Amino acid sequence: FVTVALLVGVAAYVVVKQARNDYPLNFDWPEHFDRANVPTLLMWLLLGVEAAVEAARAGWRRNAGFDPRA
């Protein structure tokens, strides 16, 4: 839930700041949103941790009930 909350929060921040300031869409556009860097990196880190934990708990191959011989 934290990962999704961070994603929604960063997206809302960018949309609101863009709407208020009407930044031009050029190569320097992302530089206007420096405060979004840390939450975005934290989101990616948490997503990677979640994937690693899920892989460790379930193993790399899950039994999906698929039998190739059937």
PDB file of N, CA and C in Angstrom:
ATOM      1  N   PHE A   1       0.808  -1.191   0.000  1.00  0.00           N
ATOM      2  CA  PHE A   1       0.000   0.000   0.000  1.00  0.00           C
ATOM      3  C   PHE A   1       0.856   1.262   0.000  1.00  0.00           C
ATOM      4  N   VAL A   2       1.995   1.195   0.648  1.00  0.00           N
ATOM      5  CA  VAL A   2       2.878   2.360   0.705  1.00  0.00           C
ATOM      6  C   VAL A   2       3.398   2.694  -0.694  1.00  0.00           C
ATOM      7  N   THR A   3       3.716   1.682  -1.468  1.00  0.00           N
ATOM      8  CA  THR A   3       4.223   1.908  -2.820  1.00  0.00           C
ATOM      9  C   THR A   3       3.184   2.613  -3.679  1.00  0.00           C
ATOM     10  N   VAL A   4       1.953   2.151  -3.609  1.00  0.00           N
ATOM     11  CA  VAL A   4       0.880   2.772  -4.387  1.00  0.00           C
ATOM     12  C   VAL A   4       0.613   4.192  -3.884  1.00  0.00           C
ATOM     13  N   ALA A   5       0.641   4.392  -2.579  1.00  0.00           N
ATOM     14  CA  ALA A   5       0.426   5.727  -2.018  1.00  0.00           C
ATOM     15  C   ALA A   5       1.517   6.699  -2.476  1.00  0.00           C
ATOM     16  N   LEU A   6       2.757   6.234  -2.515  1.00  0.00           N
ATOM     17  CA  LEU A   6       3.845   7.091  -2.999  1.00  0.00           C
ATOM     18  C   LEU A   6       3.664   7.436  -4.472  1.00  0.00           C
ATOM     19  N   LEU A   7       3.268   6.461  -5.271  1.00  0.00           N
ATOM     20  CA  LEU A   7       3.038   6.704  -6.694  1.00  0.00           C
ATOM     21  C   LEU A   7       1.931   7.726  -6.899  1.00  0.00           C
ATOM     22  N   VAL A   8       0.833   7.563  -6.207  1.00  0.00           N
ATOM     23  CA  VAL A   8      -0.286   8.504  -6.336  1.00  0.00           C
ATOM     24  C   VAL A   8       0.111   9.885  -5.831  1.00  0.00           C
ATOM     25  N   GLY A   9       0.838   9.934  -4.722  1.00  0.00           N
ATOM     26  CA  GLY A   9       1.265  11.218  -4.174  1.00  0.00           C
ATOM     27  C   GLY A   9       2.195  11.976  -5.109  1.00  0.00           C
ATOM     28  N   VAL A  10       3.152  11.288  -5.682  1.00  0.00           N
ATOM     29  CA  VAL A  10       4.090  11.939  -6.612  1.00  0.00           C
ATOM     30  C   VAL A  10       3.364  12.393  -7.877  1.00  0.00           C
ATOM     31  N   ALA A  11       2.471  11.554  -8.382  1.00  0.00           N
ATOM     32  CA  ALA A  11       1.711  11.937  -9.575  1.00  0.00           C
ATOM     33  C   ALA A  11       0.849  13.164  -9.299  1.00  0.00           C
ATOM     34  N   ALA A  12       0.193  13.199  -8.147  1.00  0.00           N
ATOM     35  CA  ALA A  12      -0.634  14.359  -7.793  1.00  0.00           C
ATOM     36  C   ALA A  12       0.221  15.608  -7.638  1.00  0.00           C
ATOM     37  N   TYR A  13       1.384  15.467  -7.026  1.00  0.00           N
ATOM     38  CA  TYR A  13       2.291  16.603  -6.858  1.00  0.00           C
ATOM     39  C   TYR A  13       2.698  17.195  -8.208  1.00  0.00           C
ATOM     40  N   VAL A  14       3.073  16.337  -9.142  1.00  0.00           N
ATOM     41  CA  VAL A  14       3.502  16.809 -10.462  1.00  0.00           C
ATOM     42  C   VAL A  14       2.343  17.476 -11.203  1.00  0.00           C
ATOM     43  N   VAL A  15       1.168  16.862 -11.147  1.00  0.00           N
ATOM     44  CA  VAL A  15       0.009  17.425 -11.857  1.00  0.00           C
ATOM     45  C   VAL A  15      -0.379  18.783 -11.281  1.00  0.00           C
ATOM     46  N   VAL A  16      -0.428  18.879  -9.964  1.00  0.00           N
ATOM     47  CA  VAL A  16      -0.821  20.148  -9.335  1.00  0.00           C
ATOM     48  C   VAL A  16       0.216  21.225  -9.595  1.00  0.00           C
ATOM     49  N   LYS A  17       1.479  20.904  -9.461  1.00  0.00           N
ATOM     50  CA  LYS A  17       2.529  21.909  -9.674  1.00  0.00           C
ATOM     51  C   LYS A  17       2.565  22.362 -11.135  1.00  0.00           C
ATOM     52  N   GLN A  18       2.361  21.440 -12.065  1.00  0.00           N
ATOM     53  CA  GLN A  18       2.322  21.799 -13.484  1.00  0.00           C
ATOM     54  C   GLN A  18       1.110  22.687 -13.771  1.00  0.00           C
ATOM     55  N   ALA A  19      -0.025  22.363 -13.182  1.00  0.00           N
ATOM     56  CA  ALA A  19      -1.239  23.153 -13.407  1.00  0.00           C
ATOM     57  C   ALA A  19      -1.095  24.557 -12.837  1.00  0.00           C
ATOM     58  N   ARG A  20      -0.453  24.693 -11.706  1.00  0.00           N
ATOM     59  CA  ARG A  20      -0.300  26.015 -11.083  1.00  0.00           C
ATOM     60  C   ARG A  20       0.723  26.894 -11.807  1.00  0.00           C
ATOM     61  N   ASN A  21       1.805  26.296 -12.270  1.00  0.00           N
ATOM     62  CA  ASN A  21       2.909  27.092 -12.809  1.00  0.00           C
ATOM     63  C   ASN A  21       3.006  27.072 -14.323  1.00  0.00           C
ATOM     64  N   ASP A  22       2.325  26.165 -14.988  1.00  0.00           N
ATOM     65  CA  ASP A  22       2.316  26.070 -16.450  1.00  0.00           C
ATOM     66  C   ASP A  22       3.734  26.079 -17.027  1.00  0.00           C
ATOM     67  N   TYR A  23       4.542  25.115 -16.585  1.00  0.00           N
ATOM     68  CA  TYR A  23       5.908  24.998 -17.074  1.00  0.00           C
ATOM     69  C   TYR A  23       5.906  24.597 -18.548  1.00  0.00           C
ATOM     70  N   PRO A  24       6.841  25.128 -19.331  1.00  0.00           N
ATOM     71  CA  PRO A  24       6.917  24.713 -20.743  1.00  0.00           C
ATOM     72  C   PRO A  24       7.418  23.269 -20.851  1.00  0.00           C
ATOM     73  N   LEU A  25       6.890  22.555 -21.808  1.00  0.00           N
ATOM     74  CA  LEU A  25       7.286  21.159 -22.006  1.00  0.00           C
ATOM     75  C   LEU A  25       8.535  21.112 -22.880  1.00  0.00           C
ATOM     76  N   ASN A  26       9.678  21.166 -22.226  1.00  0.00           N
ATOM     77  CA  ASN A  26      10.956  21.091 -22.933  1.00  0.00           C
ATOM     78  C   ASN A  26      11.872  20.124 -22.183  1.00  0.00           C
ATOM     79  N   PHE A  27      13.113  20.104 -22.571  1.00  0.00           N
ATOM     80  CA  PHE A  27      14.067  19.145 -22.010  1.00  0.00           C
ATOM     81  C   PHE A  27      14.275  19.350 -20.515  1.00  0.00           C
ATOM     82  N   ASP A  28      14.123  20.579 -20.023  1.00  0.00           N
ATOM     83  CA  ASP A  28      14.347  20.892 -18.609  1.00  0.00           C
ATOM     84  C   ASP A  28      13.105  20.704 -17.745  1.00  0.00           C
ATOM     85  N   TRP A  29      12.017  20.241 -18.313  1.00  0.00           N
ATOM     86  CA  TRP A  29      10.760  20.125 -17.578  1.00  0.00           C
ATOM     87  C   TRP A  29      10.882  19.318 -16.287  1.00  0.00           C
ATOM     88  N   PRO A  30      11.564  18.162 -16.259  1.00  0.00           N
ATOM     89  CA  PRO A  30      11.639  17.385 -15.006  1.00  0.00           C
ATOM     90  C   PRO A  30      12.383  18.094 -13.874  1.00  0.00           C
ATOM     91  N   GLU A  31      13.210  19.064 -14.196  1.00  0.00           N
ATOM     92  CA  GLU A  31      13.965  19.769 -13.158  1.00  0.00           C
ATOM     93  C   GLU A  31      13.080  20.613 -12.254  1.00  0.00           C
ATOM     94  N   HIS A  32      11.853  20.847 -12.646  1.00  0.00           N
ATOM     95  CA  HIS A  32      10.932  21.632 -11.830  1.00  0.00           C
ATOM     96  C   HIS A  32      10.332  20.809 -10.687  1.00  0.00           C
ATOM     97  N   PHE A  33      10.568  19.525 -10.674  1.00  0.00           N
ATOM     98  CA  PHE A  33       9.931  18.639  -9.702  1.00  0.00           C
ATOM     99  C   PHE A  33      10.967  17.887  -8.868  1.00  0.00           C
ATOM    100  N   ASP A  34      11.945  18.603  -8.365  1.00  0.00           N
ATOM    101  CA  ASP A  34      13.028  17.974  -7.592  1.00  0.00           C
ATOM    102  C   ASP A  34      12.530  17.285  -6.327  1.00  0.00           C
ATOM    103  N   ARG A  35      11.486  17.802  -5.719  1.00  0.00           N
ATOM    104  CA  ARG A  35      10.972  17.199  -4.486  1.00  0.00           C
ATOM    105  C   ARG A  35      10.391  15.810  -4.722  1.00  0.00           C
ATOM    106  N   ALA A  36      10.085  15.482  -5.950  1.00  0.00           N
ATOM    107  CA  ALA A  36       9.510  14.168  -6.253  1.00  0.00           C
ATOM    108  C   ALA A  36      10.578  13.078  -6.373  1.00  0.00           C
ATOM    109  N   ASN A  37      11.851  13.441  -6.380  1.00  0.00           N
ATOM    110  CA  ASN A  37      12.918  12.452  -6.579  1.00  0.00           C
ATOM    111  C   ASN A  37      12.991  11.416  -5.461  1.00  0.00           C
ATOM    112  N   VAL A  38      13.037  11.865  -4.223  1.00  0.00           N
ATOM    113  CA  VAL A  38      13.208  10.941  -3.098  1.00  0.00           C
ATOM    114  C   VAL A  38      12.000  10.006  -2.953  1.00  0.00           C
ATOM    115  N   PRO A  39      10.751  10.513  -2.971  1.00  0.00           N
ATOM    116  CA  PRO A  39       9.625   9.568  -2.882  1.00  0.00           C
ATOM    117  C   PRO A  39       9.567   8.589  -4.051  1.00  0.00           C
ATOM    118  N   THR A  40       9.961   9.034  -5.241  1.00  0.00           N
ATOM    119  CA  THR A  40       9.950   8.140  -6.397  1.00  0.00           C
ATOM    120  C   THR A  40      11.003   7.043  -6.245  1.00  0.00           C
ATOM    121  N   LEU A  41      12.188   7.397  -5.804  1.00  0.00           N
ATOM    122  CA  LEU A  41      13.226   6.380  -5.574  1.00  0.00           C
ATOM    123  C   LEU A  41      12.825   5.418  -4.460  1.00  0.00           C
ATOM    124  N   LEU A  42      12.187   5.941  -3.416  1.00  0.00           N
ATOM    125  CA  LEU A  42      11.707   5.088  -2.338  1.00  0.00           C
ATOM    126  C   LEU A  42      10.635   4.132  -2.848  1.00  0.00           C
ATOM    127  N   MET A  43       9.776   4.615  -3.741  1.00  0.00           N
ATOM    128  CA  MET A  43       8.752   3.764  -4.323  1.00  0.00           C
ATOM    129  C   MET A  43       9.382   2.608  -5.095  1.00  0.00           C
ATOM    130  N   TRP A  44      10.387   2.895  -5.923  1.00  0.00           N
ATOM    131  CA  TRP A  44      11.054   1.840  -6.695  1.00  0.00           C
ATOM    132  C   TRP A  44      11.772   0.863  -5.776  1.00  0.00           C
ATOM    133  N   LEU A  45      12.390   1.381  -4.719  1.00  0.00           N
ATOM    134  CA  LEU A  45      13.065   0.518  -3.756  1.00  0.00           C
ATOM    135  C   LEU A  45      12.072  -0.425  -3.083  1.00  0.00           C
ATOM    136  N   LEU A  46      10.947   0.098  -2.639  1.00  0.00           N
ATOM    137  CA  LEU A  46       9.936  -0.733  -1.990  1.00  0.00           C
ATOM    138  C   LEU A  46       9.341  -1.751  -2.953  1.00  0.00           C
ATOM    139  N   LEU A  47       9.179  -1.369  -4.207  1.00  0.00           N
ATOM    140  CA  LEU A  47       8.672  -2.298  -5.211  1.00  0.00           C
ATOM    141  C   LEU A  47       9.657  -3.449  -5.423  1.00  0.00           C
ATOM    142  N   GLY A  48      10.954  -3.145  -5.461  1.00  0.00           N
ATOM    143  CA  GLY A  48      11.975  -4.173  -5.590  1.00  0.00           C
ATOM    144  C   GLY A  48      12.030  -5.082  -4.377  1.00  0.00           C
ATOM    145  N   VAL A  49      11.898  -4.507  -3.182  1.00  0.00           N
ATOM    146  CA  VAL A  49      11.883  -5.314  -1.959  1.00  0.00           C
ATOM    147  C   VAL A  49      10.671  -6.237  -1.952  1.00  0.00           C
ATOM    148  N   GLU A  50       9.518  -5.698  -2.364  1.00  0.00           N
ATOM    149  CA  GLU A  50       8.319  -6.522  -2.412  1.00  0.00           C
ATOM    150  C   GLU A  50       8.476  -7.690  -3.391  1.00  0.00           C
ATOM    151  N   ALA A  51       9.068  -7.429  -4.532  1.00  0.00           N
ATOM    152  CA  ALA A  51       9.286  -8.494  -5.519  1.00  0.00           C
ATOM    153  C   ALA A  51      10.265  -9.533  -4.977  1.00  0.00           C
ATOM    154  N   ALA A  52      11.317  -9.096  -4.305  1.00  0.00           N
ATOM    155  CA  ALA A  52      12.293 -10.028  -3.747  1.00  0.00           C
ATOM    156  C   ALA A  52      11.676 -10.885  -2.643  1.00  0.00           C
ATOM    157  N   VAL A  53      10.884 -10.277  -1.789  1.00  0.00           N
ATOM    158  CA  VAL A  53      10.228 -11.032  -0.723  1.00  0.00           C
ATOM    159  C   VAL A  53       9.257 -12.038  -1.309  1.00  0.00           C
ATOM    160  N   GLU A  54       8.497 -11.615  -2.306  1.00  0.00           N
ATOM    161  CA  GLU A  54       7.539 -12.527  -2.940  1.00  0.00           C
ATOM    162  C   GLU A  54       8.258 -13.694  -3.621  1.00  0.00           C
ATOM    163  N   ALA A  55       9.379 -13.422  -4.265  1.00  0.00           N
ATOM    164  CA  ALA A  55      10.149 -14.483  -4.909  1.00  0.00           C
ATOM    165  C   ALA A  55      10.738 -15.431  -3.869  1.00  0.00           C
ATOM    166  N   ALA A  56      11.179 -14.899  -2.750  1.00  0.00           N
ATOM    167  CA  ALA A  56      11.753 -15.741  -1.704  1.00  0.00           C
ATOM    168  C   ALA A  56      10.686 -16.604  -1.032  1.00  0.00           C
ATOM    169  N   ARG A  57       9.502 -16.053  -0.862  1.00  0.00           N
ATOM    170  CA  ARG A  57       8.429 -16.805  -0.205  1.00  0.00           C
ATOM    171  C   ARG A  57       7.855 -17.894  -1.099  1.00  0.00           C
ATOM    172  N   ALA A  58       7.678 -17.589  -2.381  1.00  0.00           N
ATOM    173  CA  ALA A  58       6.992 -18.518  -3.267  1.00  0.00           C
ATOM    174  C   ALA A  58       7.947 -19.306  -4.145  1.00  0.00           C
ATOM    175  N   GLY A  59       9.183 -18.937  -4.177  1.00  0.00           N
ATOM    176  CA  GLY A  59      10.130 -19.593  -5.071  1.00  0.00           C
ATOM    177  C   GLY A  59      10.034 -18.969  -6.457  1.00  0.00           C
ATOM    178  N   TRP A  60      10.975 -19.275  -7.302  1.00  0.00           N
ATOM    179  CA  TRP A  60      10.998 -18.664  -8.623  1.00  0.00           C
ATOM    180  C   TRP A  60       9.940 -19.247  -9.544  1.00  0.00           C
ATOM    181  N   ARG A  61       9.554 -20.495  -9.277  1.00  0.00           N
ATOM    182  CA  ARG A  61       8.524 -21.120 -10.107  1.00  0.00           C
ATOM    183  C   ARG A  61       7.325 -21.421  -9.232  1.00  0.00           C
ATOM    184  N   ARG A  62       6.222 -20.874  -9.608  1.00  0.00           N
ATOM    185  CA  ARG A  62       4.993 -21.133  -8.867  1.00  0.00           C
ATOM    186  C   ARG A  62       4.200 -22.228  -9.567  1.00  0.00           C
ATOM    187  N   ASN A  63       3.459 -22.966  -8.791  1.00  0.00           N
ATOM    188  CA  ASN A  63       2.576 -23.963  -9.350  1.00  0.00           C
ATOM    189  C   ASN A  63       1.257 -23.281  -9.706  1.00  0.00           C
ATOM    190  N   ALA A  64       1.039 -23.056 -10.983  1.00  0.00           N
ATOM    191  CA  ALA A  64      -0.160 -22.387 -11.439  1.00  0.00           C
ATOM    192  C   ALA A  64      -1.237 -23.383 -11.826  1.00  0.00           C
ATOM    193  N   GLY A  65      -1.039 -24.654 -11.518  1.00  0.00           N
ATOM    194  CA  GLY A  65      -2.005 -25.661 -11.870  1.00  0.00           C
ATOM    195  C   GLY A  65      -1.943 -26.059 -13.333  1.00  0.00           C
ATOM    196  N   PHE A  66      -0.853 -25.718 -13.993  1.00  0.00           N
ATOM    197  CA  PHE A  66      -0.705 -26.026 -15.419  1.00  0.00           C
ATOM    198  C   PHE A  66       0.076 -27.315 -15.558  1.00  0.00           C
ATOM    199  N   ASP A  67      -0.496 -28.249 -16.288  1.00  0.00           N
ATOM    200  CA  ASP A  67       0.165 -29.514 -16.548  1.00  0.00           C
ATOM    201  C   ASP A  67       0.418 -29.620 -18.042  1.00  0.00           C
ATOM    202  N   PRO A  68       1.684 -29.508 -18.486  1.00  0.00           N
ATOM    203  CA  PRO A  68       1.943 -29.534 -19.932  1.00  0.00           C
ATOM    204  C   PRO A  68       1.644 -30.871 -20.577  1.00  0.00           C
ATOM    205  N   ARG A  69       1.532 -31.934 -19.797  1.00  0.00           N
ATOM    206  CA  ARG A  69       1.251 -33.247 -20.343  1.00  0.00           C
ATOM    207  C   ARG A  69      -0.232 -33.447 -20.620  1.00  0.00           C
ATOM    208  N   ALA A  70      -1.066 -32.566 -20.102  1.00  0.00           N
ATOM    209  CA  ALA A  70      -2.530 -32.751 -20.275  1.00  0.00           C
ATOM    210  C   ALA A  70      -3.008 -32.247 -21.613  1.00  0.00           C
TER     211      ALA A  70
END
